[in-house]
Protein backbone atom coordinates (compact mmCIF):
# COMPACT_ATOMS: atom_id res chain seq x y z
CA UNK A 1 104.17 123.89 141.34
CA UNK A 2 102.21 122.41 138.42
CA UNK A 3 99.76 124.70 136.62
CA UNK A 4 96.56 122.89 135.66
CA UNK A 5 94.43 123.49 132.58
CA UNK A 6 90.82 123.13 133.75
CA UNK A 7 89.40 122.96 130.23
CA UNK A 8 89.22 119.18 130.45
CA UNK A 9 88.55 118.79 134.19
CA UNK A 10 85.06 118.15 135.64
CA UNK A 11 85.25 121.22 137.93
CA UNK A 12 85.16 123.57 134.94
CA UNK A 13 81.39 123.00 134.94
CA UNK A 14 81.23 124.68 138.35
CA UNK A 15 84.01 127.29 138.37
CA UNK A 16 84.67 128.59 134.85
CA UNK A 17 82.96 131.26 132.76
CA UNK A 18 80.40 134.04 133.39
CA UNK A 19 77.52 131.53 133.57
CA UNK A 20 79.04 130.05 136.71
CA UNK A 21 79.05 133.27 138.76
CA UNK A 22 76.26 131.94 141.05
CA UNK A 23 78.25 128.77 141.67
CA UNK A 24 81.42 130.70 142.47
CA UNK A 25 79.47 132.86 144.93
CA UNK A 26 78.87 129.73 147.04
CA UNK A 27 82.60 128.99 147.01
CA UNK A 28 83.46 132.56 148.03
CA UNK A 29 80.93 132.20 150.85
CA UNK A 30 83.07 129.39 152.30
CA UNK A 31 86.20 131.53 152.33
CA UNK A 32 87.86 130.35 149.11
CA UNK A 33 90.01 132.81 147.20
CA UNK A 34 89.81 133.40 143.46
CA UNK A 35 92.99 131.40 143.00
CA UNK A 36 91.61 128.46 145.01
CA UNK A 37 88.37 128.48 143.04
CA UNK A 38 90.20 128.13 139.74
CA UNK A 39 92.49 125.35 140.97
CA UNK A 40 91.47 121.68 140.64
CA UNK A 41 88.85 120.71 143.23
CA UNK A 42 89.79 117.55 145.12
CA UNK A 43 87.23 115.56 147.09
CA UNK A 44 88.54 114.34 150.45
CA UNK A 45 86.03 111.67 151.42
CA UNK A 46 86.12 110.24 154.91
CA UNK A 47 84.10 107.57 156.68
CA UNK A 48 84.53 109.38 160.02
CA UNK A 49 81.88 108.76 162.63
CA UNK A 50 81.51 107.96 166.31
CA UNK A 51 80.05 104.50 165.82
CA UNK A 52 83.25 102.63 166.61
CA UNK A 53 87.01 103.12 167.16
CA UNK A 54 87.72 102.13 163.53
CA UNK A 55 86.67 105.55 162.27
CA UNK A 56 87.39 108.13 164.95
CA UNK A 57 90.88 109.04 163.72
CA UNK A 58 89.84 109.64 160.10
CA UNK A 59 88.92 113.31 160.42
CA UNK A 60 92.35 114.06 161.93
CA UNK A 61 94.06 112.32 159.02
CA UNK A 62 91.81 114.08 156.51
CA UNK A 63 93.20 117.44 157.63
CA UNK A 64 96.71 116.31 156.74
CA UNK A 65 95.50 115.04 153.37
CA UNK A 66 93.92 118.44 152.70
CA UNK A 67 97.18 120.16 153.57
CA UNK A 68 99.01 117.95 151.05
CA UNK A 69 96.51 118.88 148.34
CA UNK A 70 96.92 122.60 149.08
CA UNK A 71 100.71 122.39 149.03
CA UNK A 72 100.55 120.78 145.58
CA UNK A 73 98.27 123.39 144.03
CA UNK A 74 94.81 121.90 144.57
CA UNK A 75 91.73 122.95 146.53
CA UNK A 76 90.48 120.21 148.88
CA UNK A 77 86.77 119.80 149.62
CA UNK A 78 86.13 117.53 152.59
CA UNK A 79 82.99 115.44 153.02
CA UNK A 80 81.93 112.38 155.00
CA UNK A 81 79.96 109.27 154.19
CA UNK A 82 78.49 106.48 156.30
CA UNK A 83 79.85 103.29 157.75
CA UNK A 84 78.26 100.32 159.44
CA UNK A 85 80.84 98.85 161.78
CA UNK A 86 80.68 95.08 162.00
CA UNK A 87 81.87 94.78 165.59
CA UNK A 88 78.83 96.77 166.69
CA UNK A 89 76.42 95.25 164.13
CA UNK A 90 77.52 91.64 164.78
CA UNK A 91 75.14 89.01 166.11
CA UNK A 92 71.82 90.81 165.60
CA UNK A 93 69.70 92.34 162.86
CA UNK A 94 72.12 95.25 162.51
CA UNK A 95 74.48 93.02 160.55
CA UNK A 96 71.96 92.93 157.70
CA UNK A 97 72.99 96.54 157.04
CA UNK A 98 76.73 95.87 156.83
CA UNK A 99 77.27 94.68 153.26
CA UNK A 100 74.53 97.02 152.05
CA UNK A 101 76.62 99.89 153.44
CA UNK A 102 79.38 99.06 150.92
CA UNK A 103 77.03 100.01 148.10
CA UNK A 104 75.76 103.10 149.93
CA UNK A 105 79.33 104.29 150.52
CA UNK A 106 80.23 103.82 146.85
CA UNK A 107 76.99 105.47 145.74
CA UNK A 108 77.21 108.42 148.14
CA UNK A 109 80.83 109.22 147.24
CA UNK A 110 79.92 108.94 143.56
CA UNK A 111 76.95 111.28 143.94
CA UNK A 112 78.92 113.85 145.94
CA UNK A 113 81.73 113.84 143.39
CA UNK A 114 79.30 114.00 140.45
CA UNK A 115 77.08 116.64 141.99
CA UNK A 116 79.94 119.04 142.71
CA UNK A 117 82.21 118.08 139.79
CA UNK A 118 85.36 117.34 141.77
CA UNK A 119 88.46 116.51 139.74
CA UNK A 120 90.21 113.99 141.97
CA UNK A 121 89.55 111.95 145.09
CA UNK A 122 91.29 110.98 148.31
CA UNK A 123 89.32 108.34 150.20
CA UNK A 124 89.87 107.57 153.89
CA UNK A 125 88.27 104.48 155.39
CA UNK A 126 88.66 102.52 158.59
CA UNK A 127 86.20 99.64 158.82
CA UNK A 128 85.46 96.50 156.84
CA UNK A 129 82.97 97.52 154.10
CA UNK A 130 84.13 101.13 153.94
CA UNK A 131 87.45 100.11 152.37
CA UNK A 132 86.05 98.27 149.33
CA UNK A 133 83.16 100.77 149.12
CA UNK A 134 85.59 103.69 148.87
CA UNK A 135 87.78 101.90 146.31
CA UNK A 136 84.69 100.94 144.28
CA UNK A 137 83.77 104.62 144.03
CA UNK A 138 87.30 105.44 142.82
CA UNK A 139 87.07 102.84 140.06
CA UNK A 140 83.54 103.88 139.15
CA UNK A 141 84.38 107.59 138.85
CA UNK A 142 87.85 106.97 137.40
CA UNK A 143 89.19 110.37 138.46
CA UNK A 144 92.78 110.35 139.82
CA UNK A 145 92.47 108.82 143.29
CA UNK A 146 94.50 107.76 146.32
CA UNK A 147 93.16 105.47 149.05
CA UNK A 148 94.23 105.91 152.67
CA UNK A 149 93.52 103.41 155.43
CA UNK A 150 92.81 104.88 158.85
CA UNK A 151 95.00 102.27 160.55
CA UNK A 152 94.55 99.34 162.89
CA UNK A 153 93.97 99.39 166.62
CA UNK A 154 96.83 98.65 169.00
CA UNK A 155 96.56 95.22 170.61
CA UNK A 156 95.03 95.07 174.06
CA UNK A 157 96.86 93.40 176.96
CA UNK A 158 95.20 91.01 179.37
CA UNK A 159 97.17 88.80 181.73
CA UNK A 160 100.38 89.46 179.82
CA UNK A 161 98.99 88.50 176.40
CA UNK A 162 98.04 90.54 173.33
CA UNK A 163 94.30 90.31 172.70
CA UNK A 164 91.81 91.55 170.08
CA UNK A 165 88.05 91.91 169.87
CA UNK A 166 87.83 88.35 168.52
CA UNK A 167 89.09 87.10 171.89
CA UNK A 168 86.01 88.70 173.43
CA UNK A 169 83.64 87.03 170.97
CA UNK A 170 85.33 83.71 171.74
CA UNK A 171 85.19 84.57 175.43
CA UNK A 172 81.39 84.64 175.18
CA UNK A 173 81.55 80.99 174.08
CA UNK A 174 83.99 80.14 176.87
CA UNK A 175 81.69 81.80 179.41
CA UNK A 176 78.68 79.84 178.10
CA UNK A 177 80.70 76.63 178.40
CA UNK A 178 81.72 77.45 181.98
CA UNK A 179 85.37 77.90 180.94
CA UNK A 180 85.58 81.62 181.77
CA UNK A 181 84.26 83.56 184.73
CA UNK A 182 82.09 86.65 184.41
CA UNK A 183 84.89 88.63 186.06
CA UNK A 184 87.45 87.51 183.45
CA UNK A 185 85.03 88.25 180.60
CA UNK A 186 84.50 91.76 181.99
CA UNK A 187 88.26 92.32 182.25
CA UNK A 188 88.63 91.18 178.64
CA UNK A 189 85.95 93.52 177.31
CA UNK A 190 87.46 96.49 179.15
CA UNK A 191 91.02 96.02 177.92
CA UNK A 192 90.90 94.29 174.52
CA UNK A 193 90.36 97.50 172.53
CA UNK A 194 92.66 100.23 173.91
CA UNK A 195 91.91 103.08 171.47
CA UNK A 196 91.31 104.21 167.89
CA UNK A 197 91.71 101.92 164.92
CA UNK A 198 90.25 98.90 163.14
CA UNK A 199 90.43 95.35 164.49
CA UNK A 200 94.09 94.38 164.75
CA UNK A 201 94.20 90.89 163.24
CA UNK A 202 94.12 89.99 159.55
CA UNK A 203 90.40 90.41 159.54
CA UNK A 204 88.50 92.19 156.77
CA UNK A 205 89.72 95.75 157.42
CA UNK A 206 93.43 94.90 157.45
CA UNK A 207 92.96 92.43 154.60
CA UNK A 208 91.44 95.13 152.38
CA UNK A 209 94.08 97.63 153.53
CA UNK A 210 96.72 95.22 152.23
CA UNK A 211 94.66 94.90 149.04
CA UNK A 212 94.76 98.69 148.61
CA UNK A 213 98.57 98.63 148.61
CA UNK A 214 98.84 95.48 146.51
CA UNK A 215 96.44 96.73 143.84
CA UNK A 216 98.27 100.05 143.65
CA UNK A 217 95.63 102.49 144.99
CA UNK A 218 97.47 103.20 148.27
CA UNK A 219 100.99 104.46 148.91
CA UNK A 220 103.56 101.80 149.88
CA UNK A 221 103.68 101.13 153.65
CA UNK A 222 100.57 103.27 154.24
CA UNK A 223 98.39 100.40 155.44
CA UNK A 224 100.81 99.56 158.26
CA UNK A 225 101.00 102.21 161.02
CA UNK A 226 98.26 101.86 163.66
CA UNK A 227 95.67 104.64 163.86
CA UNK A 228 97.21 106.27 166.93
CA UNK A 229 100.68 106.50 165.37
CA UNK A 230 101.12 110.04 164.06
CA UNK A 231 103.15 108.69 161.14
CA UNK A 232 99.72 108.11 159.62
CA UNK A 233 99.37 111.87 159.25
CA UNK A 234 102.57 111.92 157.18
CA UNK A 235 101.06 109.34 154.84
CA UNK A 236 97.91 111.45 154.64
CA UNK A 237 99.98 114.50 153.66
CA UNK A 238 101.77 112.45 151.00
CA UNK A 239 98.43 111.11 149.74
CA UNK A 240 97.32 114.71 149.14
CA UNK A 241 100.49 115.45 147.22
CA UNK A 242 100.31 112.18 145.30
CA UNK A 243 96.76 112.73 144.04
CA UNK A 244 97.84 116.04 142.51
CA UNK A 245 100.75 114.29 140.76
CA UNK A 246 98.31 111.72 139.39
CA UNK A 247 96.08 114.54 138.16
CA UNK A 248 99.03 116.20 136.43
CA UNK A 249 100.08 112.91 134.80
CA UNK A 250 96.45 111.91 134.04
CA UNK A 251 96.90 108.54 135.74
CA UNK A 252 93.50 107.13 136.68
CA UNK A 253 92.37 104.19 138.84
CA UNK A 254 91.52 102.00 135.84
CA UNK A 255 95.06 102.55 134.53
CA UNK A 256 96.28 101.13 137.84
CA UNK A 257 93.71 98.43 138.60
CA UNK A 258 94.18 96.08 135.65
CA UNK A 259 93.40 92.37 135.62
CA UNK A 260 97.01 91.68 136.68
CA UNK A 261 96.63 94.14 139.58
CA UNK A 262 93.56 92.25 140.83
CA UNK A 263 95.53 89.02 140.64
CA UNK A 264 98.30 90.67 142.69
CA UNK A 265 95.74 91.73 145.29
CA UNK A 266 94.31 88.21 145.56
CA UNK A 267 97.84 86.81 145.97
CA UNK A 268 98.50 89.15 148.90
CA UNK A 269 95.21 88.09 150.53
CA UNK A 270 96.24 84.45 150.19
CA UNK A 271 99.77 85.05 151.46
CA UNK A 272 98.48 86.80 154.59
CA UNK A 273 95.71 84.31 155.37
CA UNK A 274 93.29 87.17 154.86
CA UNK A 275 89.53 87.44 155.20
CA UNK A 276 87.16 85.37 153.06
CA UNK A 277 85.36 88.66 152.42
CA UNK A 278 88.09 89.53 149.92
CA UNK A 279 86.50 86.93 147.62
CA UNK A 280 83.39 89.13 147.68
CA UNK A 281 85.00 92.57 147.50
CA UNK A 282 87.61 91.95 144.79
CA UNK A 283 84.97 90.88 142.22
CA UNK A 284 82.85 93.90 143.18
CA UNK A 285 85.80 96.26 142.69
CA UNK A 286 86.71 94.57 139.40
CA UNK A 287 83.16 95.08 138.18
CA UNK A 288 83.58 98.84 138.62
CA UNK A 289 86.63 98.67 136.35
CA UNK A 290 84.84 96.57 133.72
CA UNK A 291 86.93 93.49 134.53
CA UNK A 292 85.42 90.01 134.92
CA UNK A 293 86.94 88.56 138.07
CA UNK A 294 84.70 86.25 140.08
CA UNK A 295 85.01 83.97 143.10
CA UNK A 296 86.58 81.17 141.04
CA UNK A 297 89.22 83.51 139.64
CA UNK A 298 90.05 84.58 143.19
CA UNK A 299 90.09 80.97 144.41
CA UNK A 300 92.48 79.90 141.63
CA UNK A 301 95.01 82.52 142.77
CA UNK A 302 94.51 81.52 146.41
CA UNK A 303 95.29 77.95 145.39
CA UNK A 304 98.60 78.75 143.70
CA UNK A 305 99.93 81.27 146.27
CA UNK A 306 101.87 80.19 149.39
CA UNK A 307 100.74 81.21 152.85
CA UNK A 308 103.53 83.39 154.26
CA UNK A 309 102.34 85.70 157.06
CA UNK A 310 101.44 84.37 160.52
CA UNK A 311 98.64 86.78 161.36
CA UNK A 312 95.62 86.39 163.64
CA UNK A 313 93.21 84.64 163.72
CA UNK A 314 95.04 81.68 162.14
CA UNK A 315 98.51 82.88 163.14
CA UNK A 316 100.20 84.62 166.04
CA UNK A 317 100.63 88.30 165.11
CA UNK A 318 98.63 91.48 164.48
CA UNK A 319 98.83 94.27 161.89
CA UNK A 320 101.16 96.36 164.04
CA UNK A 321 103.63 93.47 164.11
CA UNK A 322 103.53 93.10 160.34
CA UNK A 323 104.20 96.82 159.89
CA UNK A 324 107.19 96.68 162.24
CA UNK A 325 108.49 93.58 160.47
CA UNK A 326 108.55 95.30 157.06
CA UNK A 327 104.94 95.79 156.03
CA UNK A 328 103.15 94.92 152.81
CA UNK A 329 106.13 95.95 150.62
CA UNK A 330 108.37 93.31 152.20
CA UNK A 331 105.70 90.65 151.69
CA UNK A 332 105.27 91.77 148.08
CA UNK A 333 109.05 91.70 147.61
CA UNK A 334 109.24 87.99 148.37
CA UNK A 335 106.10 87.28 146.32
CA UNK A 336 107.71 89.12 143.40
CA UNK A 337 110.94 87.17 143.86
CA UNK A 338 108.96 83.94 143.75
CA UNK A 339 107.03 84.94 140.62
CA UNK A 340 103.67 85.12 142.42
CA UNK A 341 102.85 88.74 141.53
CA UNK A 342 103.35 90.92 138.44
CA UNK A 343 105.77 93.78 139.01
CA UNK A 344 104.79 95.73 135.89
CA UNK A 345 101.52 97.05 137.33
CA UNK A 346 101.25 100.83 137.79
CA UNK A 347 100.64 102.37 141.26
CA UNK A 348 99.64 105.75 142.72
CA UNK A 349 103.32 106.62 143.10
CA UNK A 350 103.47 106.94 139.32
CA UNK A 351 105.87 103.98 139.36
CA UNK A 352 105.36 100.27 138.88
CA UNK A 353 105.32 97.75 141.70
CA UNK A 354 108.77 96.53 140.69
CA UNK A 355 110.10 100.09 140.80
CA UNK A 356 108.51 100.68 144.22
CA UNK A 357 110.10 97.49 145.54
CA UNK A 358 113.53 97.99 143.96
CA UNK A 359 115.27 98.77 147.26
CA UNK A 360 113.14 96.53 149.50
CA UNK A 361 114.92 93.49 150.90
CA UNK A 362 113.38 90.57 152.73
CA UNK A 363 114.42 90.46 156.39
CA UNK A 364 114.79 86.85 157.55
CA UNK A 365 115.33 87.92 161.17
CA UNK A 366 111.68 88.82 161.84
CA UNK A 367 109.02 86.25 162.85
CA UNK A 368 105.87 87.54 161.18
CA UNK A 369 106.52 86.72 157.51
CA UNK A 370 108.21 83.85 155.71
CA UNK A 371 110.07 83.99 152.40
CA UNK A 372 108.30 82.51 149.38
CA UNK A 373 110.53 79.40 149.45
CA UNK A 374 109.88 78.72 153.15
CA UNK A 375 106.10 79.10 153.49
CA UNK A 376 103.86 78.32 156.43
CA UNK A 377 101.83 76.28 153.95
CA UNK A 378 102.15 75.68 150.20
CA UNK A 379 98.76 77.16 149.39
CA UNK A 380 96.97 80.35 150.42
CA UNK A 381 95.05 80.75 153.61
CA UNK A 382 91.66 80.95 151.86
CA UNK A 383 90.29 78.15 149.65
CA UNK A 384 87.46 78.03 147.12
CA UNK A 385 85.07 75.05 147.23
CA UNK A 386 82.70 73.64 144.65
CA UNK A 387 80.34 70.69 144.48
CA UNK A 388 76.67 69.74 144.31
CA UNK A 389 75.99 71.73 147.49
CA UNK A 390 77.73 74.80 146.06
CA UNK A 391 77.51 74.78 142.23
CA UNK A 392 78.36 78.51 142.20
CA UNK A 393 81.12 78.10 144.74
CA UNK A 394 81.91 78.76 148.38
CA UNK A 395 84.95 79.85 150.39
CA UNK A 396 86.66 78.69 153.57
CA UNK A 397 89.59 80.16 155.50
CA UNK A 398 92.08 77.41 156.33
CA UNK A 399 95.02 79.48 157.63
CA UNK A 400 96.26 77.76 160.77
CA UNK A 401 93.50 75.14 160.51
CA UNK A 402 94.21 71.42 161.05
CA UNK A 403 90.61 70.24 160.53
CA UNK A 404 90.42 70.26 156.70
CA UNK A 405 88.13 67.27 156.09
CA UNK A 406 84.68 66.70 157.51
CA UNK A 407 81.75 64.38 156.95
CA UNK A 408 78.67 64.66 159.10
CA UNK A 409 74.92 65.20 159.34
CA UNK A 410 73.38 68.58 158.61
CA UNK A 411 71.79 70.53 161.46
CA UNK A 412 69.71 73.07 159.54
CA UNK A 413 68.70 76.56 160.70
CA UNK A 414 66.88 79.21 158.67
CA UNK A 415 68.51 82.20 160.41
CA UNK A 416 71.59 83.01 162.48
CA UNK A 417 69.65 83.78 165.66
CA UNK A 418 68.29 80.21 165.89
CA UNK A 419 71.74 78.74 165.26
CA UNK A 420 73.37 80.97 167.88
CA UNK A 421 70.74 80.02 170.47
CA UNK A 422 71.40 76.32 169.77
CA UNK A 423 75.15 76.81 170.11
CA UNK A 424 74.75 78.76 173.36
CA UNK A 425 72.62 75.92 174.72
CA UNK A 426 75.14 73.37 173.32
CA UNK A 427 72.23 71.84 171.42
CA UNK A 428 74.40 70.11 168.83
CA UNK A 429 76.65 67.05 168.56
CA UNK A 430 80.30 66.79 167.64
CA UNK A 431 80.53 65.79 164.00
CA UNK A 432 77.51 67.90 163.01
CA UNK A 433 77.50 70.32 160.10
CA UNK A 434 75.62 73.40 161.29
CA UNK A 435 73.85 74.92 158.28
CA UNK A 436 72.67 78.53 158.44
CA UNK A 437 70.67 79.47 155.35
CA UNK A 438 68.51 82.33 154.08
CA UNK A 439 71.36 84.64 155.09
CA UNK A 440 72.64 85.26 151.54
CA UNK A 441 72.76 88.62 149.75
CA UNK A 442 69.10 88.37 148.76
CA UNK A 443 67.72 86.12 151.48
CA UNK A 444 69.12 87.89 154.54
CA UNK A 445 69.04 90.30 153.01
CA UNK A 446 72.58 91.61 153.36
CA UNK A 447 74.62 88.42 153.74
CA UNK A 448 75.31 88.65 157.46
CA UNK A 449 78.62 87.67 159.06
CA UNK A 450 78.42 84.83 161.58
CA UNK A 451 81.23 85.70 163.99
CA UNK A 452 79.04 85.51 167.09
CA UNK A 453 78.10 81.92 166.27
CA UNK A 454 81.50 80.73 165.04
CA UNK A 455 83.36 82.39 167.89
CA UNK A 456 80.98 80.85 170.43
CA UNK A 457 81.66 77.40 168.93
CA UNK A 458 85.41 77.97 169.01
CA UNK A 459 85.23 79.30 172.53
CA UNK A 460 83.45 76.12 173.62
CA UNK A 461 86.47 74.17 172.42
CA UNK A 462 84.65 72.09 169.80
CA UNK A 463 86.85 71.12 166.85
CA UNK A 464 85.05 68.19 165.20
CA UNK A 465 82.29 70.33 163.74
CA UNK A 466 81.71 72.40 160.60
CA UNK A 467 79.51 75.35 159.76
CA UNK A 468 78.09 76.08 156.31
CA UNK A 469 76.17 79.19 155.28
CA UNK A 470 75.06 81.26 152.29
CA UNK A 471 75.99 84.22 154.46
CA UNK A 472 79.46 85.49 155.27
CA UNK A 473 82.07 85.19 157.98
CA UNK A 474 84.14 87.78 159.71
CA UNK A 475 87.82 87.84 158.90
CA UNK A 476 88.16 86.92 162.56
CA UNK A 477 86.34 83.60 162.14
CA UNK A 478 88.33 80.42 162.63
CA UNK A 479 87.40 76.78 162.40
CA UNK A 480 86.00 74.84 159.42
CA UNK A 481 83.48 77.50 158.42
CA UNK A 482 82.27 77.61 154.82
CA UNK A 483 80.57 80.77 153.55
CA UNK A 484 79.31 82.41 150.35
CA UNK A 485 77.52 79.18 149.35
CA UNK A 486 75.88 79.71 145.98
CA UNK A 487 73.25 79.67 144.71
CA UNK A 488 71.84 80.95 147.99
CA UNK A 489 68.75 79.45 149.60
CA UNK A 490 66.53 82.35 148.47
CA UNK A 491 67.40 81.42 144.87
CA UNK A 492 66.47 77.76 145.46
CA UNK A 493 70.11 76.73 145.68
CA UNK A 494 70.84 73.23 147.03
CA UNK A 495 71.50 74.70 150.50
CA UNK A 496 67.80 75.66 150.56
CA UNK A 497 66.80 72.04 149.87
CA UNK A 498 68.71 70.48 152.75
CA UNK A 499 67.03 68.64 155.62
CA UNK A 500 68.55 67.98 159.03
CA UNK A 501 70.34 64.64 158.88
CA UNK A 502 71.54 64.94 155.26
CA UNK A 503 75.19 63.95 155.09
CA UNK A 504 77.57 66.71 153.99
CA UNK A 505 81.19 66.14 152.98
CA UNK A 506 83.77 68.95 152.97
CA UNK A 507 87.31 68.55 151.63
CA UNK A 508 89.22 71.81 151.95
CA UNK A 509 92.33 70.23 150.40
CA UNK A 510 90.59 69.12 147.21
CA UNK A 511 88.29 72.16 147.21
CA UNK A 512 85.00 70.26 147.26
CA UNK A 513 81.74 70.34 149.22
CA UNK A 514 78.89 67.95 148.52
CA UNK A 515 75.70 66.62 150.03
CA UNK A 516 75.16 62.89 149.68
CA UNK A 517 71.97 63.22 147.65
CA UNK A 518 71.39 62.27 144.02
CA UNK A 519 70.56 64.82 141.37
CA UNK A 520 67.14 63.18 141.14
CA UNK A 521 66.49 63.64 144.87
CA UNK A 522 67.56 67.30 144.78
CA UNK A 523 65.30 67.87 141.74
CA UNK A 524 62.38 66.24 143.52
CA UNK A 525 62.86 68.41 146.61
CA UNK A 526 63.04 71.51 144.45
CA UNK A 527 59.53 70.84 143.13
CA UNK A 528 58.06 71.38 146.60
CA UNK A 529 60.45 74.15 147.67
CA UNK A 530 58.98 77.52 148.60
CA UNK A 531 61.07 80.62 149.35
CA UNK A 532 61.15 82.12 152.77
CA UNK A 533 58.94 85.18 153.14
CA UNK A 534 60.93 88.42 152.57
CA UNK A 535 62.20 89.99 155.76
CA UNK A 536 61.46 93.56 154.62
CA UNK A 537 58.70 95.16 152.57
CA UNK A 538 60.26 98.58 152.08
CA UNK A 539 63.33 100.67 152.79
CA UNK A 540 66.99 100.24 151.89
CA UNK A 541 67.16 96.54 152.71
CA UNK A 542 64.08 95.80 150.59
CA UNK A 543 65.59 97.71 147.67
CA UNK A 544 68.92 95.88 148.09
CA UNK A 545 67.23 92.46 148.09
CA UNK A 546 65.44 93.35 144.85
CA UNK A 547 68.64 94.38 143.06
CA UNK A 548 71.53 92.33 144.45
CA UNK A 549 73.22 89.60 142.45
CA UNK A 550 75.00 86.40 143.56
CA UNK A 551 77.96 86.27 145.94
CA UNK A 552 80.09 84.59 143.26
CA UNK A 553 80.12 87.86 141.30
CA UNK A 554 80.58 90.09 144.34
CA UNK A 555 76.95 90.70 145.42
CA UNK A 556 76.63 93.47 142.84
CA UNK A 557 73.82 95.98 142.53
CA UNK A 558 75.01 97.74 139.34
CA UNK A 559 76.29 96.46 135.97
CA UNK A 560 79.60 98.28 136.42
CA UNK A 561 81.88 99.77 133.80
CA UNK A 562 81.01 97.13 131.21
CA UNK A 563 77.67 98.91 130.62
CA UNK A 564 78.95 102.42 131.24
CA UNK A 565 77.85 105.01 128.64
CA UNK A 566 80.20 107.82 129.66
CA UNK A 567 82.80 107.88 132.43
CA UNK A 568 82.47 110.69 134.97
CA UNK A 569 86.15 111.62 134.60
CA UNK A 570 85.43 112.56 130.97
CA UNK A 571 82.40 114.81 131.42
């Protein structure tokens, strides 16, 4: 077992020397031995709560992680932070809290680690914003860290078919259109989610879990096993052991998460047809490492990476299927063979990606993933757009989508609720472009996801329609749905100047989105534009709206490592 010199570790400020006798008395009060007190202190941060199935297995896995730390000569200190689970928050004002929770998670983990001077970090997360939030805290603190995903949910079974929560959201649209009975909708809601774990398709949680492996912060294969599979506990144990190895070798998150590592992560998102939210979270994570990596950088990698994995919602399979087929390592193996990722990047194993993948072979006999030279499509499943309607960019998920071009009149709404009511009442025409604005980071505030509205449209069977917003979409959204439009309406972006009837053109192949208005007309409209009244006058959402930056840069609330005076790991 490695012996650690605490003279350069943060925990020395709490445990070493006569002056720290009062501090040590608190540790003795919790049952720690003298030996345990003078070992490295390792934070084991979990997003456990009873809000949703995504998080309920995390505390179990945390116990295994703690055991791994103890076996490797460390002293684990468990704590929890918040989550806001999108499936519960979706479709109402609760969704305004979702993206904000990413910052609160990062901040709360940072403050707990700083306040108690922990030397290393294991972070367990299970739901959408908790994954990037936890990884942001790792990069911000820069102490040796290992990320552990809580695992996906098993697919539900209804009428002999695998189903996910997105099928229920789409079922709401089918019910409204008279295409599904109340009885069938009830059966769907009772059986679609059979137990613990995050949404099973390549939605935001599984997308960011793949990112964690691809970027090197998670152990190989650890994103794959569903939450109920006890193999997850083995990965948790190994995560505890691994973080102590990283501490011994002084390998830190910023050593791992280089510019090339972020490019690798974006390539894996593209290859899996992952969530558009990755274009928001990757820049935010990069900011914590002092790396400039914005929406256009992400989009460029999406553009040059083939789409290889047939995962829901654009494809046929769920996370469990991908794990059984060979997991993220097999996908990365073929991307490496094709020259789409950099194998020299360091990982939490203490080895490079190429070294981790040395014995991995691509299995052509499975149906979930294609080899790099036989893609589902030549370009990634998520595309960046730019034009006079989105000077600062926008994103659209095209995986499995046939409708890539659209020209039609705008149907403008100033909030999601009004748009959803119109969709439910079928108060729109085929060919329309439904515009939902004032839902950006600042205007919402909180940049709400629009799954309720997009799923209702899809459930109604309408294909010749588009939706454009300065808000976000769930990873489960499908259809020609453009999000992250910047500048947002609250910043007087062109989306805030639109009138119903304006003609909008979207070309997801060329990567363009424009409104058929001259620069002079847009300038004239801007003269009379007035911002929407703020939705909140105090509290966390008010504070977020005052501080948040544009979606293109990740909806940031802090300057990141570029303006850092002293890194926590070096105190």
